[in-house]
Amino acid sequence: MLSRTADHLFWMARYMERAENTARMLDVNYQTGLLPQSADAAEQGWRGLLSISELTQSYHKRHPEVNAREVMRFMVSEGSNSSSILSCLRAARENARAVHAERWPFRA
């Protein structure tokens, strides 16, 4: 039981860390996009973010072109993207629930 609890706690923390890192990368890229630059340079920044996150293929399966709004939506709230912030927080919550259920199995 202790090993299962430790495993769930590890993954809960890992998913939360992934969500935080994704949010930070999106924030930096968004702030950088506000600086004066060409449209090509801004698009290259969003392409780089997808590449760093290894999401380029997943993104292009659903979206034909790269733009800030679609990349942010894809990385923040798209349920089909297992690396989105929303998906990571859901996975963290499920791991927390599993720990709670193991610790107090007779509670409803």
PDB file of N, CA and C in Angstrom:
ATOM      1  N   MET A   1       0.823  -1.194   0.000  1.00  0.00           N
ATOM      2  CA  MET A   1       0.000   0.000   0.000  1.00  0.00           C
ATOM      3  C   MET A   1       0.868   1.258   0.000  1.00  0.00           C
ATOM      4  N   LEU A   2       1.946   1.233   0.763  1.00  0.00           N
ATOM      5  CA  LEU A   2       2.828   2.391   0.831  1.00  0.00           C
ATOM      6  C   LEU A   2       3.458   2.667  -0.531  1.00  0.00           C
ATOM      7  N   SER A   3       3.834   1.596  -1.233  1.00  0.00           N
ATOM      8  CA  SER A   3       4.436   1.764  -2.550  1.00  0.00           C
ATOM      9  C   SER A   3       3.441   2.385  -3.538  1.00  0.00           C
ATOM     10  N   ARG A   4       2.190   1.941  -3.500  1.00  0.00           N
ATOM     11  CA  ARG A   4       1.172   2.516  -4.378  1.00  0.00           C
ATOM     12  C   ARG A   4       0.948   3.981  -4.062  1.00  0.00           C
ATOM     13  N   THR A   5       0.905   4.301  -2.772  1.00  0.00           N
ATOM     14  CA  THR A   5       0.705   5.690  -2.358  1.00  0.00           C
ATOM     15  C   THR A   5       1.862   6.558  -2.844  1.00  0.00           C
ATOM     16  N   ALA A   6       3.087   6.061  -2.666  1.00  0.00           N
ATOM     17  CA  ALA A   6       4.258   6.812  -3.126  1.00  0.00           C
ATOM     18  C   ALA A   6       4.219   7.007  -4.635  1.00  0.00           C
ATOM     19  N   ASP A   7       3.807   5.986  -5.362  1.00  0.00           N
ATOM     20  CA  ASP A   7       3.707   6.084  -6.814  1.00  0.00           C
ATOM     21  C   ASP A   7       2.692   7.148  -7.222  1.00  0.00           C
ATOM     22  N   HIS A   8       1.525   7.128  -6.586  1.00  0.00           N
ATOM     23  CA  HIS A   8       0.495   8.128  -6.909  1.00  0.00           C
ATOM     24  C   HIS A   8       0.958   9.541  -6.552  1.00  0.00           C
ATOM     25  N   LEU A   9       1.636   9.688  -5.427  1.00  0.00           N
ATOM     26  CA  LEU A   9       2.140  11.012  -5.037  1.00  0.00           C
ATOM     27  C   LEU A   9       3.200  11.503  -6.020  1.00  0.00           C
ATOM     28  N   PHE A  10       4.069  10.599  -6.451  1.00  0.00           N
ATOM     29  CA  PHE A  10       5.093  10.961  -7.427  1.00  0.00           C
ATOM     30  C   PHE A  10       4.441  11.482  -8.703  1.00  0.00           C
ATOM     31  N   TRP A  11       3.476  10.723  -9.251  1.00  0.00           N
ATOM     32  CA  TRP A  11       2.850  11.119 -10.502  1.00  0.00           C
ATOM     33  C   TRP A  11       1.996  12.358 -10.346  1.00  0.00           C
ATOM     34  N   MET A  12       1.364  12.526  -9.205  1.00  0.00           N
ATOM     35  CA  MET A  12       0.602  13.749  -8.961  1.00  0.00           C
ATOM     36  C   MET A  12       1.527  14.963  -9.053  1.00  0.00           C
ATOM     37  N   ALA A  13       2.667  14.876  -8.383  1.00  0.00           N
ATOM     38  CA  ALA A  13       3.626  15.982  -8.407  1.00  0.00           C
ATOM     39  C   ALA A  13       4.199  16.179  -9.810  1.00  0.00           C
ATOM     40  N   ARG A  14       4.451  15.090 -10.512  1.00  0.00           N
ATOM     41  CA  ARG A  14       5.014  15.191 -11.855  1.00  0.00           C
ATOM     42  C   ARG A  14       4.043  15.873 -12.822  1.00  0.00           C
ATOM     43  N   TYR A  15       2.768  15.503 -12.747  1.00  0.00           N
ATOM     44  CA  TYR A  15       1.770  16.144 -13.610  1.00  0.00           C
ATOM     45  C   TYR A  15       1.607  17.620 -13.266  1.00  0.00           C
ATOM     46  N   MET A  16       1.644  17.955 -12.004  1.00  0.00           N
ATOM     47  CA  MET A  16       1.531  19.367 -11.615  1.00  0.00           C
ATOM     48  C   MET A  16       2.746  20.150 -12.104  1.00  0.00           C
ATOM     49  N   GLU A  17       3.916  19.539 -12.005  1.00  0.00           N
ATOM     50  CA  GLU A  17       5.138  20.191 -12.487  1.00  0.00           C
ATOM     51  C   GLU A  17       5.074  20.401 -14.001  1.00  0.00           C
ATOM     52  N   ARG A  18       4.562  19.406 -14.722  1.00  0.00           N
ATOM     53  CA  ARG A  18       4.440  19.531 -16.174  1.00  0.00           C
ATOM     54  C   ARG A  18       3.479  20.655 -16.542  1.00  0.00           C
ATOM     55  N   ALA A  19       2.361  20.752 -15.827  1.00  0.00           N
ATOM     56  CA  ALA A  19       1.394  21.831 -16.085  1.00  0.00           C
ATOM     57  C   ALA A  19       2.027  23.189 -15.829  1.00  0.00           C
ATOM     58  N   GLU A  20       2.775  23.298 -14.738  1.00  0.00           N
ATOM     59  CA  GLU A  20       3.431  24.569 -14.412  1.00  0.00           C
ATOM     60  C   GLU A  20       4.475  24.939 -15.467  1.00  0.00           C
ATOM     61  N   ASN A  21       5.270  23.975 -15.888  1.00  0.00           N
ATOM     62  CA  ASN A  21       6.299  24.254 -16.896  1.00  0.00           C
ATOM     63  C   ASN A  21       5.676  24.662 -18.226  1.00  0.00           C
ATOM     64  N   THR A  22       4.589  24.016 -18.601  1.00  0.00           N
ATOM     65  CA  THR A  22       3.899  24.376 -19.839  1.00  0.00           C
ATOM     66  C   THR A  22       3.368  25.802 -19.748  1.00  0.00           C
ATOM     67  N   ALA A  23       2.779  26.140 -18.619  1.00  0.00           N
ATOM     68  CA  ALA A  23       2.256  27.500 -18.423  1.00  0.00           C
ATOM     69  C   ALA A  23       3.383  28.531 -18.496  1.00  0.00           C
ATOM     70  N   ARG A  24       4.516  28.224 -17.919  1.00  0.00           N
ATOM     71  CA  ARG A  24       5.646  29.162 -17.964  1.00  0.00           C
ATOM     72  C   ARG A  24       6.168  29.347 -19.386  1.00  0.00           C
ATOM     73  N   MET A  25       6.283  28.243 -20.125  1.00  0.00           N
ATOM     74  CA  MET A  25       6.764  28.351 -21.505  1.00  0.00           C
ATOM     75  C   MET A  25       5.786  29.154 -22.363  1.00  0.00           C
ATOM     76  N   LEU A  26       4.504  28.911 -22.167  1.00  0.00           N
ATOM     77  CA  LEU A  26       3.497  29.678 -22.915  1.00  0.00           C
ATOM     78  C   LEU A  26       3.560  31.158 -22.563  1.00  0.00           C
ATOM     79  N   ASP A  27       3.742  31.468 -21.289  1.00  0.00           N
ATOM     80  CA  ASP A  27       3.820  32.860 -20.858  1.00  0.00           C
ATOM     81  C   ASP A  27       5.028  33.558 -21.482  1.00  0.00           C
ATOM     82  N   VAL A  28       6.175  32.909 -21.437  1.00  0.00           N
ATOM     83  CA  VAL A  28       7.387  33.508 -22.006  1.00  0.00           C
ATOM     84  C   VAL A  28       7.220  33.722 -23.507  1.00  0.00           C
ATOM     85  N   ASN A  29       6.679  32.715 -24.190  1.00  0.00           N
ATOM     86  CA  ASN A  29       6.499  32.848 -25.634  1.00  0.00           C
ATOM     87  C   ASN A  29       5.477  33.932 -25.971  1.00  0.00           C
ATOM     88  N   TYR A  30       4.417  34.020 -25.186  1.00  0.00           N
ATOM     89  CA  TYR A  30       3.408  35.057 -25.411  1.00  0.00           C
ATOM     90  C   TYR A  30       4.010  36.449 -25.187  1.00  0.00           C
ATOM     91  N   GLN A  31       4.741  36.613 -24.085  1.00  0.00           N
ATOM     92  CA  GLN A  31       5.376  37.903 -23.790  1.00  0.00           C
ATOM     93  C   GLN A  31       6.386  38.277 -24.870  1.00  0.00           C
ATOM     94  N   THR A  32       7.129  37.306 -25.358  1.00  0.00           N
ATOM     95  CA  THR A  32       8.090  37.557 -26.432  1.00  0.00           C
ATOM     96  C   THR A  32       7.360  37.964 -27.713  1.00  0.00           C
ATOM     97  N   GLY A  33       6.196  37.354 -27.950  1.00  0.00           N
ATOM     98  CA  GLY A  33       5.410  37.685 -29.132  1.00  0.00           C
ATOM     99  C   GLY A  33       4.878  39.105 -29.130  1.00  0.00           C
ATOM    100  N   LEU A  34       4.833  39.747 -27.961  1.00  0.00           N
ATOM    101  CA  LEU A  34       4.369  41.125 -27.875  1.00  0.00           C
ATOM    102  C   LEU A  34       5.433  42.131 -28.293  1.00  0.00           C
ATOM    103  N   LEU A  35       6.681  41.682 -28.371  1.00  0.00           N
ATOM    104  CA  LEU A  35       7.764  42.559 -28.805  1.00  0.00           C
ATOM    105  C   LEU A  35       7.658  42.816 -30.303  1.00  0.00           C
ATOM    106  N   PRO A  36       8.175  43.951 -30.753  1.00  0.00           N
ATOM    107  CA  PRO A  36       8.140  44.222 -32.199  1.00  0.00           C
ATOM    108  C   PRO A  36       8.960  43.180 -32.956  1.00  0.00           C
ATOM    109  N   GLN A  37       8.300  42.474 -33.873  1.00  0.00           N
ATOM    110  CA  GLN A  37       8.970  41.459 -34.677  1.00  0.00           C
ATOM    111  C   GLN A  37       8.083  41.133 -35.875  1.00  0.00           C
ATOM    112  N   SER A  38       8.656  40.461 -36.829  1.00  0.00           N
ATOM    113  CA  SER A  38       7.880  40.085 -38.017  1.00  0.00           C
ATOM    114  C   SER A  38       6.934  38.940 -37.676  1.00  0.00           C
ATOM    115  N   ALA A  39       5.930  38.767 -38.513  1.00  0.00           N
ATOM    116  CA  ALA A  39       4.973  37.669 -38.314  1.00  0.00           C
ATOM    117  C   ALA A  39       5.674  36.317 -38.425  1.00  0.00           C
ATOM    118  N   ASP A  40       6.670  36.238 -39.317  1.00  0.00           N
ATOM    119  CA  ASP A  40       7.415  34.985 -39.465  1.00  0.00           C
ATOM    120  C   ASP A  40       8.196  34.647 -38.199  1.00  0.00           C
ATOM    121  N   ALA A  41       8.791  35.648 -37.583  1.00  0.00           N
ATOM    122  CA  ALA A  41       9.547  35.420 -36.349  1.00  0.00           C
ATOM    123  C   ALA A  41       8.617  34.971 -35.221  1.00  0.00           C
ATOM    124  N   ALA A  42       7.442  35.588 -35.140  1.00  0.00           N
ATOM    125  CA  ALA A  42       6.479  35.199 -34.104  1.00  0.00           C
ATOM    126  C   ALA A  42       6.008  33.769 -34.333  1.00  0.00           C
ATOM    127  N   GLU A  43       5.706  33.427 -35.583  1.00  0.00           N
ATOM    128  CA  GLU A  43       5.271  32.059 -35.893  1.00  0.00           C
ATOM    129  C   GLU A  43       6.374  31.058 -35.583  1.00  0.00           C
ATOM    130  N   GLN A  44       7.605  31.430 -35.859  1.00  0.00           N
ATOM    131  CA  GLN A  44       8.740  30.546 -35.572  1.00  0.00           C
ATOM    132  C   GLN A  44       8.844  30.272 -34.070  1.00  0.00           C
ATOM    133  N   GLY A  45       8.530  31.259 -33.255  1.00  0.00           N
ATOM    134  CA  GLY A  45       8.541  31.063 -31.805  1.00  0.00           C
ATOM    135  C   GLY A  45       7.512  30.036 -31.373  1.00  0.00           C
ATOM    136  N   TRP A  46       6.311  30.105 -31.959  1.00  0.00           N
ATOM    137  CA  TRP A  46       5.265  29.129 -31.614  1.00  0.00           C
ATOM    138  C   TRP A  46       5.602  27.743 -32.147  1.00  0.00           C
ATOM    139  N   ARG A  47       6.226  27.690 -33.334  1.00  0.00           N
ATOM    140  CA  ARG A  47       6.683  26.402 -33.866  1.00  0.00           C
ATOM    141  C   ARG A  47       7.754  25.797 -32.952  1.00  0.00           C
ATOM    142  N   GLY A  48       8.638  26.634 -32.470  1.00  0.00           N
ATOM    143  CA  GLY A  48       9.686  26.166 -31.559  1.00  0.00           C
ATOM    144  C   GLY A  48       9.112  25.620 -30.268  1.00  0.00           C
ATOM    145  N   LEU A  49       8.087  26.280 -29.760  1.00  0.00           N
ATOM    146  CA  LEU A  49       7.441  25.817 -28.533  1.00  0.00           C
ATOM    147  C   LEU A  49       6.813  24.442 -28.742  1.00  0.00           C
ATOM    148  N   LEU A  50       6.153  24.246 -29.867  1.00  0.00           N
ATOM    149  CA  LEU A  50       5.579  22.928 -30.171  1.00  0.00           C
ATOM    150  C   LEU A  50       6.671  21.876 -30.307  1.00  0.00           C
ATOM    151  N   SER A  51       7.773  22.257 -30.928  1.00  0.00           N
ATOM    152  CA  SER A  51       8.884  21.330 -31.118  1.00  0.00           C
ATOM    153  C   SER A  51       9.517  20.936 -29.784  1.00  0.00           C
ATOM    154  N   ILE A  52       9.759  21.914 -28.930  1.00  0.00           N
ATOM    155  CA  ILE A  52      10.355  21.641 -27.616  1.00  0.00           C
ATOM    156  C   ILE A  52       9.472  20.698 -26.817  1.00  0.00           C
ATOM    157  N   SER A  53       8.179  20.871 -26.942  1.00  0.00           N
ATOM    158  CA  SER A  53       7.219  20.054 -26.202  1.00  0.00           C
ATOM    159  C   SER A  53       6.914  18.734 -26.900  1.00  0.00           C
ATOM    160  N   GLU A  54       7.523  18.515 -28.060  1.00  0.00           N
ATOM    161  CA  GLU A  54       7.302  17.318 -28.867  1.00  0.00           C
ATOM    162  C   GLU A  54       5.827  17.135 -29.215  1.00  0.00           C
ATOM    163  N   LEU A  55       5.183  18.236 -29.578  1.00  0.00           N
ATOM    164  CA  LEU A  55       3.764  18.220 -29.913  1.00  0.00           C
ATOM    165  C   LEU A  55       3.484  18.627 -31.362  1.00  0.00           C
ATOM    166  N   THR A  56       4.525  18.779 -32.159  1.00  0.00           N
ATOM    167  CA  THR A  56       4.352  19.261 -33.527  1.00  0.00           C
ATOM    168  C   THR A  56       3.411  18.371 -34.323  1.00  0.00           C
ATOM    169  N   GLN A  57       3.627  17.064 -34.312  1.00  0.00           N
ATOM    170  CA  GLN A  57       2.780  16.159 -35.087  1.00  0.00           C
ATOM    171  C   GLN A  57       1.350  16.147 -34.564  1.00  0.00           C
ATOM    172  N   SER A  58       1.188  16.100 -33.257  1.00  0.00           N
ATOM    173  CA  SER A  58      -0.162  16.100 -32.669  1.00  0.00           C
ATOM    174  C   SER A  58      -0.905  17.375 -33.035  1.00  0.00           C
ATOM    175  N   TYR A  59      -0.203  18.495 -32.991  1.00  0.00           N
ATOM    176  CA  TYR A  59      -0.822  19.773 -33.316  1.00  0.00           C
ATOM    177  C   TYR A  59      -1.270  19.791 -34.779  1.00  0.00           C
ATOM    178  N   HIS A  60      -0.381  19.368 -35.679  1.00  0.00           N
ATOM    179  CA  HIS A  60      -0.693  19.443 -37.110  1.00  0.00           C
ATOM    180  C   HIS A  60      -1.776  18.452 -37.537  1.00  0.00           C
ATOM    181  N   LYS A  61      -2.041  17.435 -36.735  1.00  0.00           N
ATOM    182  CA  LYS A  61      -3.156  16.531 -37.041  1.00  0.00           C
ATOM    183  C   LYS A  61      -4.495  17.246 -36.900  1.00  0.00           C
ATOM    184  N   ARG A  62      -4.548  18.261 -36.048  1.00  0.00           N
ATOM    185  CA  ARG A  62      -5.801  18.957 -35.765  1.00  0.00           C
ATOM    186  C   ARG A  62      -5.870  20.373 -36.330  1.00  0.00           C
ATOM    187  N   HIS A  63      -4.709  20.973 -36.572  1.00  0.00           N
ATOM    188  CA  HIS A  63      -4.662  22.376 -36.993  1.00  0.00           C
ATOM    189  C   HIS A  63      -3.745  22.527 -38.200  1.00  0.00           C
ATOM    190  N   PRO A  64      -4.244  23.130 -39.287  1.00  0.00           N
ATOM    191  CA  PRO A  64      -3.435  23.244 -40.505  1.00  0.00           C
ATOM    192  C   PRO A  64      -2.306  24.274 -40.416  1.00  0.00           C
ATOM    193  N   GLU A  65      -2.507  25.336 -39.648  1.00  0.00           N
ATOM    194  CA  GLU A  65      -1.472  26.368 -39.572  1.00  0.00           C
ATOM    195  C   GLU A  65      -1.160  26.708 -38.116  1.00  0.00           C
ATOM    196  N   VAL A  66       0.026  27.255 -37.933  1.00  0.00           N
ATOM    197  CA  VAL A  66       0.488  27.612 -36.589  1.00  0.00           C
ATOM    198  C   VAL A  66       0.189  29.077 -36.330  1.00  0.00           C
ATOM    199  N   ASN A  67      -0.586  29.342 -35.295  1.00  0.00           N
ATOM    200  CA  ASN A  67      -0.795  30.720 -34.845  1.00  0.00           C
ATOM    201  C   ASN A  67      -0.925  30.722 -33.327  1.00  0.00           C
ATOM    202  N   ALA A  68      -0.703  31.861 -32.731  1.00  0.00           N
ATOM    203  CA  ALA A  68      -0.634  31.965 -31.272  1.00  0.00           C
ATOM    204  C   ALA A  68      -1.906  31.470 -30.594  1.00  0.00           C
ATOM    205  N   ARG A  69      -3.048  31.886 -31.066  1.00  0.00           N
ATOM    206  CA  ARG A  69      -4.316  31.518 -30.417  1.00  0.00           C
ATOM    207  C   ARG A  69      -4.528  29.998 -30.408  1.00  0.00           C
ATOM    208  N   GLU A  70      -4.295  29.358 -31.541  1.00  0.00           N
ATOM    209  CA  GLU A  70      -4.529  27.913 -31.638  1.00  0.00           C
ATOM    210  C   GLU A  70      -3.496  27.111 -30.844  1.00  0.00           C
ATOM    211  N   VAL A  71      -2.249  27.543 -30.861  1.00  0.00           N
ATOM    212  CA  VAL A  71      -1.222  26.841 -30.085  1.00  0.00           C
ATOM    213  C   VAL A  71      -1.531  26.963 -28.592  1.00  0.00           C
ATOM    214  N   MET A  72      -1.918  28.147 -28.155  1.00  0.00           N
ATOM    215  CA  MET A  72      -2.241  28.320 -26.737  1.00  0.00           C
ATOM    216  C   MET A  72      -3.455  27.476 -26.345  1.00  0.00           C
ATOM    217  N   ARG A  73      -4.480  27.473 -27.174  1.00  0.00           N
ATOM    218  CA  ARG A  73      -5.660  26.665 -26.869  1.00  0.00           C
ATOM    219  C   ARG A  73      -5.288  25.184 -26.836  1.00  0.00           C
ATOM    220  N   PHE A  74      -4.489  24.745 -27.789  1.00  0.00           N
ATOM    221  CA  PHE A  74      -4.059  23.351 -27.863  1.00  0.00           C
ATOM    222  C   PHE A  74      -3.269  22.948 -26.621  1.00  0.00           C
ATOM    223  N   MET A  75      -2.376  23.826 -26.166  1.00  0.00           N
ATOM    224  CA  MET A  75      -1.511  23.489 -25.040  1.00  0.00           C
ATOM    225  C   MET A  75      -2.146  23.765 -23.678  1.00  0.00           C
ATOM    226  N   VAL A  76      -3.218  24.537 -23.640  1.00  0.00           N
ATOM    227  CA  VAL A  76      -3.864  24.836 -22.363  1.00  0.00           C
ATOM    228  C   VAL A  76      -5.073  23.946 -22.125  1.00  0.00           C
ATOM    229  N   SER A  77      -5.983  23.871 -23.088  1.00  0.00           N
ATOM    230  CA  SER A  77      -7.275  23.272 -22.759  1.00  0.00           C
ATOM    231  C   SER A  77      -7.759  22.159 -23.675  1.00  0.00           C
ATOM    232  N   GLU A  78      -6.974  21.740 -24.622  1.00  0.00           N
ATOM    233  CA  GLU A  78      -7.468  20.690 -25.520  1.00  0.00           C
ATOM    234  C   GLU A  78      -7.387  19.332 -24.832  1.00  0.00           C
ATOM    235  N   GLY A  79      -8.530  18.725 -24.651  1.00  0.00           N
ATOM    236  CA  GLY A  79      -8.616  17.447 -23.943  1.00  0.00           C
ATOM    237  C   GLY A  79      -7.928  16.299 -24.669  1.00  0.00           C
ATOM    238  N   SER A  80      -7.863  16.363 -25.996  1.00  0.00           N
ATOM    239  CA  SER A  80      -7.209  15.293 -26.756  1.00  0.00           C
ATOM    240  C   SER A  80      -5.687  15.364 -26.665  1.00  0.00           C
ATOM    241  N   ASN A  81      -5.155  16.461 -26.149  1.00  0.00           N
ATOM    242  CA  ASN A  81      -3.711  16.617 -25.961  1.00  0.00           C
ATOM    243  C   ASN A  81      -3.374  16.204 -24.530  1.00  0.00           C
ATOM    244  N   SER A  82      -2.740  15.059 -24.380  1.00  0.00           N
ATOM    245  CA  SER A  82      -2.434  14.553 -23.037  1.00  0.00           C
ATOM    246  C   SER A  82      -1.404  15.405 -22.306  1.00  0.00           C
ATOM    247  N   SER A  83      -0.738  16.309 -23.013  1.00  0.00           N
ATOM    248  CA  SER A  83       0.234  17.202 -22.381  1.00  0.00           C
ATOM    249  C   SER A  83      -0.330  18.585 -22.091  1.00  0.00           C
ATOM    250  N   SER A  84      -1.603  18.812 -22.397  1.00  0.00           N
ATOM    251  CA  SER A  84      -2.182  20.131 -22.125  1.00  0.00           C
ATOM    252  C   SER A  84      -2.263  20.366 -20.622  1.00  0.00           C
ATOM    253  N   ILE A  85      -2.315  21.605 -20.243  1.00  0.00           N
ATOM    254  CA  ILE A  85      -2.395  21.945 -18.816  1.00  0.00           C
ATOM    255  C   ILE A  85      -3.631  21.307 -18.205  1.00  0.00           C
ATOM    256  N   LEU A  86      -4.746  21.369 -18.886  1.00  0.00           N
ATOM    257  CA  LEU A  86      -5.986  20.774 -18.388  1.00  0.00           C
ATOM    258  C   LEU A  86      -5.833  19.266 -18.179  1.00  0.00           C
ATOM    259  N   SER A  87      -5.253  18.571 -19.139  1.00  0.00           N
ATOM    260  CA  SER A  87      -5.061  17.125 -19.014  1.00  0.00           C
ATOM    261  C   SER A  87      -4.112  16.776 -17.874  1.00  0.00           C
ATOM    262  N   CYS A  88      -3.057  17.553 -17.720  1.00  0.00           N
ATOM    263  CA  CYS A  88      -2.110  17.303 -16.627  1.00  0.00           C
ATOM    264  C   CYS A  88      -2.765  17.507 -15.266  1.00  0.00           C
ATOM    265  N   LEU A  89      -3.561  18.558 -15.144  1.00  0.00           N
ATOM    266  CA  LEU A  89      -4.230  18.799 -13.868  1.00  0.00           C
ATOM    267  C   LEU A  89      -5.278  17.727 -13.576  1.00  0.00           C
ATOM    268  N   ARG A  90      -5.945  17.241 -14.594  1.00  0.00           N
ATOM    269  CA  ARG A  90      -6.894  16.137 -14.400  1.00  0.00           C
ATOM    270  C   ARG A  90      -6.174  14.878 -13.923  1.00  0.00           C
ATOM    271  N   ALA A  91      -5.037  14.571 -14.542  1.00  0.00           N
ATOM    272  CA  ALA A  91      -4.268  13.396 -14.138  1.00  0.00           C
ATOM    273  C   ALA A  91      -3.743  13.556 -12.713  1.00  0.00           C
ATOM    274  N   ALA A  92      -3.303  14.750 -12.355  1.00  0.00           N
ATOM    275  CA  ALA A  92      -2.840  14.997 -10.983  1.00  0.00           C
ATOM    276  C   ALA A  92      -3.986  14.801  -9.995  1.00  0.00           C
ATOM    277  N   ARG A  93      -5.159  15.296 -10.347  1.00  0.00           N
ATOM    278  CA  ARG A  93      -6.330  15.145  -9.477  1.00  0.00           C
ATOM    279  C   ARG A  93      -6.690  13.674  -9.295  1.00  0.00           C
ATOM    280  N   GLU A  94      -6.617  12.892 -10.355  1.00  0.00           N
ATOM    281  CA  GLU A  94      -6.929  11.463 -10.252  1.00  0.00           C
ATOM    282  C   GLU A  94      -5.932  10.742  -9.359  1.00  0.00           C
ATOM    283  N   ASN A  95      -4.666  11.124  -9.435  1.00  0.00           N
ATOM    284  CA  ASN A  95      -3.671  10.527  -8.551  1.00  0.00           C
ATOM    285  C   ASN A  95      -3.912  10.933  -7.105  1.00  0.00           C
ATOM    286  N   ALA A  96      -4.319  12.168  -6.884  1.00  0.00           N
ATOM    287  CA  ALA A  96      -4.633  12.619  -5.525  1.00  0.00           C
ATOM    288  C   ALA A  96      -5.847  11.854  -4.982  1.00  0.00           C
ATOM    289  N   ARG A  97      -6.841  11.637  -5.826  1.00  0.00           N
ATOM    290  CA  ARG A  97      -8.013  10.865  -5.408  1.00  0.00           C
ATOM    291  C   ARG A  97      -7.632   9.435  -5.058  1.00  0.00           C
ATOM    292  N   ALA A  98      -6.724   8.858  -5.821  1.00  0.00           N
ATOM    293  CA  ALA A  98      -6.286   7.490  -5.536  1.00  0.00           C
ATOM    294  C   ALA A  98      -5.584   7.418  -4.182  1.00  0.00           C
ATOM    295  N   VAL A  99      -4.774   8.413  -3.868  1.00  0.00           N
ATOM    296  CA  VAL A  99      -4.106   8.450  -2.568  1.00  0.00           C
ATOM    297  C   VAL A  99      -5.144   8.579  -1.467  1.00  0.00           C
ATOM    298  N   HIS A 100      -6.106   9.447  -1.668  1.00  0.00           N
ATOM    299  CA  HIS A 100      -7.165   9.642  -0.675  1.00  0.00           C
ATOM    300  C   HIS A 100      -7.942   8.338  -0.460  1.00  0.00           C
ATOM    301  N   ALA A 101      -8.264   7.643  -1.544  1.00  0.00           N
ATOM    302  CA  ALA A 101      -9.018   6.393  -1.438  1.00  0.00           C
ATOM    303  C   ALA A 101      -8.208   5.299  -0.738  1.00  0.00           C
ATOM    304  N   GLU A 102      -6.892   5.282  -0.961  1.00  0.00           N
ATOM    305  CA  GLU A 102      -6.045   4.288  -0.298  1.00  0.00           C
ATOM    306  C   GLU A 102      -5.877   4.590   1.189  1.00  0.00           C
ATOM    307  N   ARG A 103      -5.822   5.860   1.495  1.00  0.00           N
ATOM    308  CA  ARG A 103      -5.601   6.255   2.892  1.00  0.00           C
ATOM    309  C   ARG A 103      -6.863   6.075   3.726  1.00  0.00           C
ATOM    310  N   TRP A 104      -8.011   6.390   3.157  1.00  0.00           N
ATOM    311  CA  TRP A 104      -9.282   6.282   3.863  1.00  0.00           C
ATOM    312  C   TRP A 104     -10.240   5.434   3.022  1.00  0.00           C
ATOM    313  N   PRO A 105     -10.023   4.125   2.942  1.00  0.00           N
ATOM    314  CA  PRO A 105     -10.840   3.301   2.039  1.00  0.00           C
ATOM    315  C   PRO A 105     -12.298   3.161   2.431  1.00  0.00           C
ATOM    316  N   PHE A 106     -12.637   3.440   3.672  1.00  0.00           N
ATOM    317  CA  PHE A 106     -14.018   3.250   4.116  1.00  0.00           C
ATOM    318  C   PHE A 106     -14.839   4.510   4.117  1.00  0.00           C
ATOM    319  N   ARG A 107     -14.252   5.619   3.687  1.00  0.00           N
ATOM    320  CA  ARG A 107     -15.000   6.870   3.587  1.00  0.00           C
ATOM    321  C   ARG A 107     -15.669   6.988   2.235  1.00  0.00           C
ATOM    322  N   ALA A 108     -16.772   7.649   2.190  1.00  0.00           N
ATOM    323  CA  ALA A 108     -17.480   7.832   0.917  1.00  0.00           C
ATOM    324  C   ALA A 108     -17.018   9.086   0.233  1.00  0.00           C
TER     325      ALA A 108
END
